C-alpha atoms as a PDB file:
ATOM      1  CA  MET A   1       0.299   0.029   0.354  1.00  0.00           C
ATOM      2  CA  TYR A   2       3.014   2.328   0.985  1.00  0.00           C
ATOM      3  CA  SER A   3       4.688   2.032  -2.515  1.00  0.00           C
ATOM      4  CA  LEU A   4       1.213   2.274  -4.328  1.00  0.00           C
ATOM      5  CA  LEU A   5       0.644   6.032  -2.561  1.00  0.00           C
ATOM      6  CA  HIS A   6       4.487   6.732  -2.772  1.00  0.00           C
ATOM      7  CA  GLY A   7       4.475   6.207  -6.518  1.00  0.00           C
ATOM      8  CA  PHE A   8       0.834   8.130  -6.675  1.00  0.00           C
ATOM      9  CA  TYR A   9       2.836  11.278  -4.786  1.00  0.00           C
ATOM     10  CA  LYS A  10       5.894  11.481  -7.398  1.00  0.00           C
ATOM     11  CA  TYR A  11       3.258  10.943 -10.447  1.00  0.00           C
ATOM     12  CA  VAL A  12       1.462  14.407  -8.727  1.00  0.00           C
ATOM     13  CA  ILE A  13       4.219  16.378  -7.799  1.00  0.00           C
ATOM     14  CA  GLN A  14       6.547  15.103 -10.512  1.00  0.00           C
ATOM     15  CA  LYS A  15       7.887  17.531 -13.654  1.00  0.00           C
ATOM     16  CA  ASP A  16       8.401  17.061 -16.837  1.00  0.00           C
ATOM     17  CA  GLU A  17      12.419  17.096 -17.389  1.00  0.00           C
ATOM     18  CA  TYR A  18      14.300  18.723 -20.691  1.00  0.00           C
ATOM     19  CA  CYS A  19      18.187  18.017 -21.340  1.00  0.00           C
ATOM     20  CA  VAL A  20      19.705  21.039 -22.921  1.00  0.00           C
ATOM     21  CA  LEU A  21      23.175  20.917 -24.462  1.00  0.00           C
ATOM     22  CA  ILE A  22      25.407  23.955 -24.191  1.00  0.00           C
ATOM     23  CA  LEU A  23      28.176  23.544 -27.075  1.00  0.00           C
ATOM     24  CA  GLY A  24      30.643  26.099 -28.544  1.00  0.00           C
ATOM     25  CA  LEU A  25      33.743  26.585 -28.649  1.00  0.00           C
ATOM     26  CA  ASP A  26      36.593  27.036 -26.138  1.00  0.00           C
ATOM     27  CA  ASN A  27      36.350  30.548 -24.225  1.00  0.00           C
ATOM     28  CA  ALA A  28      32.602  30.947 -26.478  1.00  0.00           C
ATOM     29  CA  GLY A  29      30.961  32.463 -23.230  1.00  0.00           C
ATOM     30  CA  LYS A  30      29.200  29.179 -22.343  1.00  0.00           C
ATOM     31  CA  THR A  31      29.345  28.689 -18.687  1.00  0.00           C
ATOM     32  CA  THR A  32      28.776  32.471 -18.584  1.00  0.00           C
ATOM     33  CA  TYR A  33      25.871  31.828 -20.459  1.00  0.00           C
ATOM     34  CA  LEU A  34      24.688  29.347 -17.958  1.00  0.00           C
ATOM     35  CA  GLU A  35      25.237  31.019 -14.914  1.00  0.00           C
ATOM     36  CA  ALA A  36      23.438  34.017 -16.075  1.00  0.00           C
ATOM     37  CA  THR A  37      20.432  31.986 -16.958  1.00  0.00           C
ATOM     38  CA  LYS A  38      20.469  30.065 -13.346  1.00  0.00           C
ATOM     39  CA  THR A  39      20.715  33.843 -11.925  1.00  0.00           C
ATOM     40  CA  LYS A  40      17.833  34.910 -13.910  1.00  0.00           C
ATOM     41  CA  TYR A  41      15.531  31.904 -13.208  1.00  0.00           C
ATOM     42  CA  ASN A  42      16.844  30.979  -9.621  1.00  0.00           C
ATOM     43  CA  LYS A  43      16.145  33.496  -7.382  1.00  0.00           C
ATOM     44  CA  LYS A  44      18.066  31.899  -4.733  1.00  0.00           C
ATOM     45  CA  TYR A  45      20.879  31.294  -6.781  1.00  0.00           C
ATOM     46  CA  THR A  46      24.264  33.188  -6.219  1.00  0.00           C
ATOM     47  CA  ALA A  47      25.967  33.445  -9.547  1.00  0.00           C
ATOM     48  CA  MET A  48      29.260  33.534  -9.932  1.00  0.00           C
ATOM     49  CA  ASN A  49      31.675  36.247 -10.704  1.00  0.00           C
ATOM     50  CA  PRO A  50      32.298  35.941 -14.500  1.00  0.00           C
ATOM     51  CA  SER A  51      35.883  37.012 -14.291  1.00  0.00           C
ATOM     52  CA  ARG A  52      36.467  33.719 -11.781  1.00  0.00           C
ATOM     53  CA  ILE A  53      35.049  31.491 -14.311  1.00  0.00           C
ATOM     54  CA  THR A  54      37.623  29.315 -15.580  1.00  0.00           C
ATOM     55  CA  THR A  55      37.699  27.092 -18.680  1.00  0.00           C
ATOM     56  CA  THR A  56      35.499  24.002 -18.291  1.00  0.00           C
ATOM     57  CA  VAL A  57      37.045  20.923 -17.886  1.00  0.00           C
ATOM     58  CA  GLY A  58      34.233  18.377 -18.681  1.00  0.00           C
ATOM     59  CA  LEU A  59      30.904  19.328 -17.987  1.00  0.00           C
ATOM     60  CA  ASN A  60      28.970  22.037 -15.804  1.00  0.00           C
ATOM     61  CA  ILE A  61      25.430  21.138 -14.765  1.00  0.00           C
ATOM     62  CA  GLY A  62      22.442  23.354 -14.294  1.00  0.00           C
ATOM     63  CA  LYS A  63      19.022  23.268 -13.398  1.00  0.00           C
ATOM     64  CA  ILE A  64      16.152  25.325 -13.401  1.00  0.00           C
ATOM     65  CA  ASP A  65      12.668  25.078 -13.219  1.00  0.00           C
ATOM     66  CA  VAL A  66      10.372  27.043 -15.133  1.00  0.00           C
ATOM     67  CA  ASP A  67       6.524  26.627 -14.515  1.00  0.00           C
ATOM     68  CA  GLY A  68       6.320  22.714 -13.513  1.00  0.00           C
ATOM     69  CA  VAL A  69       9.081  22.092 -16.179  1.00  0.00           C
ATOM     70  CA  ARG A  70      12.771  21.614 -15.174  1.00  0.00           C
ATOM     71  CA  LEU A  71      15.336  22.013 -17.441  1.00  0.00           C
ATOM     72  CA  ASN A  72      18.285  20.421 -17.122  1.00  0.00           C
ATOM     73  CA  PHE A  73      21.476  21.952 -18.450  1.00  0.00           C
ATOM     74  CA  TRP A  74      24.928  20.702 -19.671  1.00  0.00           C
ATOM     75  CA  ASP A  75      27.272  22.649 -20.202  1.00  0.00           C
ATOM     76  CA  LEU A  76      30.296  20.827 -22.422  1.00  0.00           C
ATOM     77  CA  GLY A  77      33.563  21.900 -22.466  1.00  0.00           C
ATOM     78  CA  GLY A  78      34.589  23.491 -25.929  1.00  0.00           C
ATOM     79  CA  GLN A  79      38.227  22.654 -26.008  1.00  0.00           C
ATOM     80  CA  GLN A  80      39.196  20.382 -29.330  1.00  0.00           C
ATOM     81  CA  GLU A  81      39.801  16.922 -27.420  1.00  0.00           C
ATOM     82  CA  LEU A  82      36.731  17.294 -25.283  1.00  0.00           C
ATOM     83  CA  GLN A  83      34.177  17.873 -28.696  1.00  0.00           C
ATOM     84  CA  SER A  84      34.424  14.362 -29.838  1.00  0.00           C
ATOM     85  CA  LEU A  85      32.660  13.618 -26.336  1.00  0.00           C
ATOM     86  CA  TRP A  86      29.940  15.963 -27.724  1.00  0.00           C
ATOM     87  CA  ASP A  87      28.146  13.035 -29.682  1.00  0.00           C
ATOM     88  CA  LYS A  88      27.933  11.219 -27.058  1.00  0.00           C
ATOM     89  CA  TYR A  89      25.206  13.518 -25.227  1.00  0.00           C
ATOM     90  CA  TYR A  90      23.288  13.903 -28.339  1.00  0.00           C
ATOM     91  CA  ALA A  91      20.906  10.908 -28.007  1.00  0.00           C
ATOM     92  CA  GLU A  92      19.866  12.514 -24.287  1.00  0.00           C
ATOM     93  CA  CYS A  93      18.840  15.886 -25.099  1.00  0.00           C
ATOM     94  CA  HIS A  94      16.191  17.700 -26.163  1.00  0.00           C
ATOM     95  CA  ALA A  95      17.981  20.891 -27.604  1.00  0.00           C
ATOM     96  CA  VAL A  96      20.940  22.088 -28.154  1.00  0.00           C
ATOM     97  CA  ILE A  97      22.310  26.052 -27.646  1.00  0.00           C
ATOM     98  CA  TYR A  98      25.351  26.134 -29.864  1.00  0.00           C
ATOM     99  CA  ILE A  99      27.182  29.711 -28.329  1.00  0.00           C
ATOM    100  CA  VAL A 100      29.238  31.748 -31.248  1.00  0.00           C
ATOM    101  CA  ASP A 101      31.741  34.558 -29.247  1.00  0.00           C
ATOM    102  CA  SER A 102      30.780  37.233 -31.663  1.00  0.00           C
ATOM    103  CA  SER A 103      33.926  39.450 -30.669  1.00  0.00           C
ATOM    104  CA  ASP A 104      36.522  36.507 -31.518  1.00  0.00           C
ATOM    105  CA  ARG A 105      36.250  37.180 -35.484  1.00  0.00           C
ATOM    106  CA  GLU A 106      39.284  35.179 -36.154  1.00  0.00           C
ATOM    107  CA  ARG A 107      37.608  32.238 -35.083  1.00  0.00           C
ATOM    108  CA  VAL A 108      33.821  32.319 -36.478  1.00  0.00           C
ATOM    109  CA  SER A 109      34.592  30.088 -39.263  1.00  0.00           C
ATOM    110  CA  GLU A 110      36.155  27.842 -37.341  1.00  0.00           C
ATOM    111  CA  SER A 111      33.514  27.879 -34.645  1.00  0.00           C
ATOM    112  CA  LYS A 112      30.996  27.355 -38.078  1.00  0.00           C
ATOM    113  CA  GLU A 113      33.304  24.276 -39.504  1.00  0.00           C
ATOM    114  CA  THR A 114      32.811  22.723 -35.690  1.00  0.00           C
ATOM    115  CA  PHE A 115      28.819  23.381 -35.591  1.00  0.00           C
ATOM    116  CA  GLU A 116      28.929  21.644 -38.857  1.00  0.00           C
END
């Protein structure tokens, strides 16, 4: 009986979950975007100082709840060595955000090639 009630309780309070990949070249601003998004939608979240954000080695994860929906953000490192791991995450994600640093004009073509 307990498991039936527990299952019903979880069903009632359960939120739809979606996974979003944040991709881009290294130093494009992926982590900065994630921190800004978490600050905007999580009232009690204190953002990391942008000057203290360093290169992502591996993965940063952020969770945001909006109108009964949970968005799980996966900020993947953009170094050349880590780009080969990106396709491993595609099967589990529902959306992709690709960040381009428009002020770094020398790398825009490299970013285009990486995106393709």
